Amino acid sequence: MYQKDDTILRQPMDQLQIRRLSVENTPEVLSISLEKAAVFPEHVSPRDALLVVLEGSIDFQIRDASYRLDRLEALRFERDTPHRVTACTDSKFLIIR
């Protein structure tokens, strides 16, 4: 069955918002909106992951490195590695893990 979903479009830009898009557990797809200057605090992913920026720009900090990611850019990262995200502008991105 096919089902159109506008969760990402409707997701508010209010600090940090996380919505699960996938119905199944694997792969898990999370839609995240992060208001300008808001921080997704340090955490770890339980699985290797792919982050894809849909709009805006973010600063992704992992280990001793920082990566500026803009619209339509992606970054892969390993599980169990502490990381955090700061929004440079109002941003929406996906985590696929």
N, C-alpha and C. Protein backbone atom coordinates (compact mmCIF):
# COMPACT_ATOMS: atom_id res chain seq x y z
N MET A 1 0.83 -1.18 0.00
CA MET A 1 0.00 0.00 0.00
C MET A 1 0.88 1.25 0.00
N TYR A 2 0.46 2.26 -0.71
CA TYR A 2 1.20 3.52 -0.79
C TYR A 2 0.52 4.56 0.09
N GLN A 3 1.32 5.35 0.76
CA GLN A 3 0.76 6.35 1.66
C GLN A 3 1.63 7.60 1.62
N LYS A 4 1.01 8.71 1.27
CA LYS A 4 1.71 9.99 1.26
C LYS A 4 1.82 10.50 2.70
N ASP A 5 2.96 11.08 3.05
CA ASP A 5 3.20 11.53 4.42
C ASP A 5 3.78 12.94 4.39
N ASP A 6 3.15 13.88 5.08
CA ASP A 6 3.65 15.26 5.11
C ASP A 6 4.22 15.64 6.48
N THR A 7 4.70 14.65 7.22
CA THR A 7 5.24 14.89 8.56
C THR A 7 6.37 15.91 8.54
N ILE A 8 7.29 15.78 7.59
CA ILE A 8 8.43 16.71 7.53
C ILE A 8 7.94 18.12 7.25
N LEU A 9 7.01 18.26 6.33
CA LEU A 9 6.47 19.57 5.98
C LEU A 9 5.78 20.23 7.17
N ARG A 10 5.03 19.46 7.94
CA ARG A 10 4.27 20.00 9.07
C ARG A 10 5.08 20.14 10.36
N GLN A 11 6.27 19.57 10.39
CA GLN A 11 7.06 19.57 11.62
C GLN A 11 7.43 21.00 12.02
N PRO A 12 7.11 21.41 13.25
CA PRO A 12 7.36 22.80 13.66
C PRO A 12 8.84 23.09 13.85
N MET A 13 9.19 24.35 13.67
CA MET A 13 10.54 24.81 13.94
C MET A 13 10.50 25.44 15.32
N ASP A 14 10.68 24.62 16.36
CA ASP A 14 10.58 25.06 17.74
C ASP A 14 11.63 24.33 18.56
N GLN A 15 12.77 24.97 18.76
CA GLN A 15 13.91 24.35 19.43
C GLN A 15 14.26 23.04 18.74
N LEU A 16 14.17 21.92 19.46
CA LEU A 16 14.49 20.60 18.91
C LEU A 16 13.21 19.77 18.84
N GLN A 17 12.87 19.29 17.64
CA GLN A 17 11.70 18.44 17.44
C GLN A 17 12.15 17.17 16.72
N ILE A 18 11.70 16.02 17.19
CA ILE A 18 12.06 14.74 16.58
C ILE A 18 10.79 13.96 16.29
N ARG A 19 10.66 13.47 15.06
CA ARG A 19 9.51 12.66 14.66
C ARG A 19 10.03 11.38 14.00
N ARG A 20 9.48 10.26 14.38
CA ARG A 20 9.85 8.99 13.75
C ARG A 20 9.01 8.83 12.49
N LEU A 21 9.67 8.62 11.35
CA LEU A 21 8.98 8.46 10.08
C LEU A 21 8.72 7.01 9.73
N SER A 22 9.61 6.13 10.13
CA SER A 22 9.48 4.72 9.76
C SER A 22 8.52 4.01 10.70
N VAL A 23 7.79 3.08 10.15
CA VAL A 23 6.87 2.28 10.95
C VAL A 23 7.61 1.08 11.52
N GLU A 24 8.48 0.53 10.73
CA GLU A 24 9.29 -0.63 11.15
C GLU A 24 10.47 -0.13 11.98
N ASN A 25 11.09 -1.02 12.72
CA ASN A 25 12.24 -0.64 13.54
C ASN A 25 13.53 -0.52 12.75
N THR A 26 13.66 -1.26 11.64
CA THR A 26 14.90 -1.23 10.88
C THR A 26 14.60 -1.08 9.42
N PRO A 27 15.13 -0.14 8.69
CA PRO A 27 15.91 0.96 9.28
C PRO A 27 15.00 1.98 9.94
N GLU A 28 15.52 2.61 10.94
CA GLU A 28 14.78 3.67 11.62
C GLU A 28 15.06 4.98 10.89
N VAL A 29 14.01 5.75 10.61
CA VAL A 29 14.16 7.05 9.95
C VAL A 29 13.55 8.11 10.87
N LEU A 30 14.39 9.07 11.27
CA LEU A 30 13.94 10.15 12.15
C LEU A 30 13.99 11.47 11.40
N SER A 31 12.94 12.26 11.53
CA SER A 31 12.91 13.62 11.00
C SER A 31 13.17 14.57 12.16
N ILE A 32 14.15 15.44 11.99
CA ILE A 32 14.54 16.34 13.07
C ILE A 32 14.49 17.78 12.58
N SER A 33 13.83 18.63 13.34
CA SER A 33 13.88 20.07 13.06
C SER A 33 14.61 20.73 14.22
N LEU A 34 15.47 21.67 13.87
CA LEU A 34 16.29 22.33 14.88
C LEU A 34 16.28 23.82 14.58
N GLU A 35 15.74 24.58 15.50
CA GLU A 35 15.65 26.03 15.34
C GLU A 35 17.05 26.65 15.39
N LYS A 36 17.24 27.76 14.68
CA LYS A 36 18.53 28.44 14.64
C LYS A 36 19.08 28.62 16.06
N ALA A 37 20.33 28.24 16.26
CA ALA A 37 21.08 28.34 17.52
C ALA A 37 20.69 27.27 18.54
N ALA A 38 19.69 26.46 18.25
CA ALA A 38 19.33 25.37 19.17
C ALA A 38 20.36 24.25 19.06
N VAL A 39 20.47 23.48 20.13
CA VAL A 39 21.46 22.41 20.19
C VAL A 39 20.76 21.08 20.44
N PHE A 40 21.14 20.08 19.66
CA PHE A 40 20.76 18.69 19.93
C PHE A 40 21.90 18.20 20.82
N PRO A 41 21.68 18.04 22.13
CA PRO A 41 22.77 17.74 23.07
C PRO A 41 23.52 16.45 22.72
N GLU A 42 24.71 16.35 23.28
CA GLU A 42 25.55 15.19 23.01
C GLU A 42 24.81 13.89 23.34
N HIS A 43 24.95 12.94 22.43
CA HIS A 43 24.29 11.63 22.56
C HIS A 43 25.02 10.65 21.66
N VAL A 44 24.62 9.39 21.67
CA VAL A 44 25.18 8.38 20.77
C VAL A 44 24.04 7.71 20.01
N SER A 45 24.38 7.19 18.85
CA SER A 45 23.42 6.43 18.05
C SER A 45 23.63 4.94 18.33
N PRO A 46 22.56 4.17 18.46
CA PRO A 46 22.71 2.74 18.70
C PRO A 46 23.15 1.97 17.46
N ARG A 47 23.11 2.63 16.29
CA ARG A 47 23.51 2.00 15.02
C ARG A 47 24.31 2.98 14.19
N ASP A 48 25.11 2.47 13.23
CA ASP A 48 25.73 3.36 12.25
C ASP A 48 24.61 4.15 11.59
N ALA A 49 24.87 5.39 11.23
CA ALA A 49 23.79 6.25 10.74
C ALA A 49 24.24 7.13 9.58
N LEU A 50 23.24 7.61 8.86
CA LEU A 50 23.42 8.58 7.79
C LEU A 50 22.56 9.79 8.14
N LEU A 51 23.18 10.97 8.15
CA LEU A 51 22.46 12.22 8.39
C LEU A 51 22.36 12.94 7.05
N VAL A 52 21.14 13.37 6.67
CA VAL A 52 20.91 14.08 5.41
C VAL A 52 20.21 15.40 5.73
N VAL A 53 20.84 16.52 5.37
CA VAL A 53 20.24 17.83 5.61
C VAL A 53 19.24 18.13 4.50
N LEU A 54 17.99 18.41 4.88
CA LEU A 54 16.94 18.74 3.91
C LEU A 54 16.85 20.24 3.67
N GLU A 55 17.02 21.01 4.73
CA GLU A 55 17.01 22.47 4.59
C GLU A 55 17.81 23.09 5.71
N GLY A 56 18.36 24.27 5.45
CA GLY A 56 19.16 24.97 6.44
C GLY A 56 20.60 24.50 6.47
N SER A 57 21.27 24.78 7.58
CA SER A 57 22.65 24.32 7.76
C SER A 57 22.90 24.04 9.24
N ILE A 58 23.73 23.05 9.48
CA ILE A 58 24.02 22.61 10.85
C ILE A 58 25.52 22.45 11.03
N ASP A 59 25.94 22.45 12.28
CA ASP A 59 27.31 22.14 12.65
C ASP A 59 27.25 20.81 13.40
N PHE A 60 27.85 19.77 12.82
CA PHE A 60 27.85 18.43 13.41
C PHE A 60 29.21 18.22 14.06
N GLN A 61 29.23 17.99 15.37
CA GLN A 61 30.47 17.82 16.11
C GLN A 61 30.59 16.38 16.58
N ILE A 62 31.70 15.76 16.20
CA ILE A 62 31.95 14.37 16.58
C ILE A 62 33.45 14.20 16.82
N ARG A 63 33.78 13.53 17.90
CA ARG A 63 35.17 13.40 18.33
C ARG A 63 35.78 14.80 18.40
N ASP A 64 36.91 15.02 17.78
CA ASP A 64 37.54 16.35 17.81
C ASP A 64 37.30 17.13 16.53
N ALA A 65 36.30 16.72 15.75
CA ALA A 65 36.05 17.36 14.45
C ALA A 65 34.68 18.03 14.42
N SER A 66 34.58 19.02 13.56
CA SER A 66 33.32 19.72 13.36
C SER A 66 33.06 19.80 11.85
N TYR A 67 31.84 19.47 11.44
CA TYR A 67 31.49 19.47 10.02
C TYR A 67 30.30 20.40 9.79
N ARG A 68 30.48 21.37 8.92
CA ARG A 68 29.37 22.25 8.52
C ARG A 68 28.65 21.54 7.38
N LEU A 69 27.37 21.26 7.57
CA LEU A 69 26.57 20.59 6.55
C LEU A 69 25.44 21.51 6.12
N ASP A 70 25.31 21.69 4.82
CA ASP A 70 24.28 22.54 4.25
C ASP A 70 23.24 21.69 3.55
N ARG A 71 22.20 22.34 3.05
CA ARG A 71 21.08 21.69 2.36
C ARG A 71 21.58 20.66 1.34
N LEU A 72 21.01 19.48 1.41
CA LEU A 72 21.28 18.35 0.51
C LEU A 72 22.66 17.74 0.67
N GLU A 73 23.35 18.04 1.77
CA GLU A 73 24.61 17.36 2.07
C GLU A 73 24.34 16.27 3.10
N ALA A 74 25.23 15.28 3.11
CA ALA A 74 25.04 14.12 4.00
C ALA A 74 26.35 13.76 4.68
N LEU A 75 26.23 13.07 5.81
CA LEU A 75 27.39 12.61 6.56
C LEU A 75 27.05 11.26 7.19
N ARG A 76 27.95 10.31 7.04
CA ARG A 76 27.81 9.01 7.70
C ARG A 76 28.64 9.04 8.99
N PHE A 77 28.12 8.38 10.03
CA PHE A 77 28.89 8.30 11.27
C PHE A 77 28.61 6.97 11.96
N GLU A 78 29.57 6.58 12.80
CA GLU A 78 29.53 5.27 13.46
C GLU A 78 28.69 5.30 14.74
N ARG A 79 28.15 4.15 15.06
CA ARG A 79 27.38 4.01 16.30
C ARG A 79 28.28 4.19 17.52
N ASP A 80 27.64 4.45 18.64
CA ASP A 80 28.32 4.56 19.93
C ASP A 80 29.42 5.61 19.98
N THR A 81 29.36 6.60 19.10
CA THR A 81 30.34 7.69 19.10
C THR A 81 29.63 8.98 19.52
N PRO A 82 30.00 9.56 20.65
CA PRO A 82 29.33 10.77 21.11
C PRO A 82 29.40 11.89 20.05
N HIS A 83 28.27 12.55 19.85
CA HIS A 83 28.20 13.65 18.89
C HIS A 83 27.08 14.60 19.31
N ARG A 84 27.10 15.80 18.74
CA ARG A 84 26.07 16.80 19.00
C ARG A 84 25.87 17.64 17.76
N VAL A 85 24.74 18.33 17.69
CA VAL A 85 24.41 19.13 16.51
C VAL A 85 23.95 20.51 16.97
N THR A 86 24.45 21.55 16.30
CA THR A 86 24.01 22.92 16.53
C THR A 86 23.47 23.46 15.22
N ALA A 87 22.32 24.10 15.27
CA ALA A 87 21.72 24.66 14.05
C ALA A 87 22.32 26.03 13.76
N CYS A 88 22.90 26.19 12.57
CA CYS A 88 23.42 27.49 12.13
C CYS A 88 22.26 28.36 11.64
N THR A 89 21.25 27.71 11.05
CA THR A 89 20.01 28.35 10.62
C THR A 89 18.88 27.40 10.98
N ASP A 90 17.63 27.84 10.85
CA ASP A 90 16.52 26.90 11.02
C ASP A 90 16.78 25.73 10.08
N SER A 91 16.75 24.51 10.59
CA SER A 91 17.16 23.35 9.80
C SER A 91 16.24 22.15 10.00
N LYS A 92 16.17 21.34 8.95
CA LYS A 92 15.50 20.04 9.03
C LYS A 92 16.44 19.02 8.42
N PHE A 93 16.55 17.86 9.10
CA PHE A 93 17.41 16.81 8.57
C PHE A 93 16.85 15.45 8.96
N LEU A 94 17.31 14.45 8.23
CA LEU A 94 16.91 13.07 8.50
C LEU A 94 18.08 12.32 9.09
N ILE A 95 17.77 11.40 9.99
CA ILE A 95 18.72 10.41 10.48
C ILE A 95 18.18 9.07 10.03
N ILE A 96 18.99 8.34 9.29
CA ILE A 96 18.61 7.00 8.82
C ILE A 96 19.60 6.04 9.45
N ARG A 97 19.07 5.11 10.27
CA ARG A 97 19.96 4.19 10.98
C ARG A 97 19.32 2.83 11.15
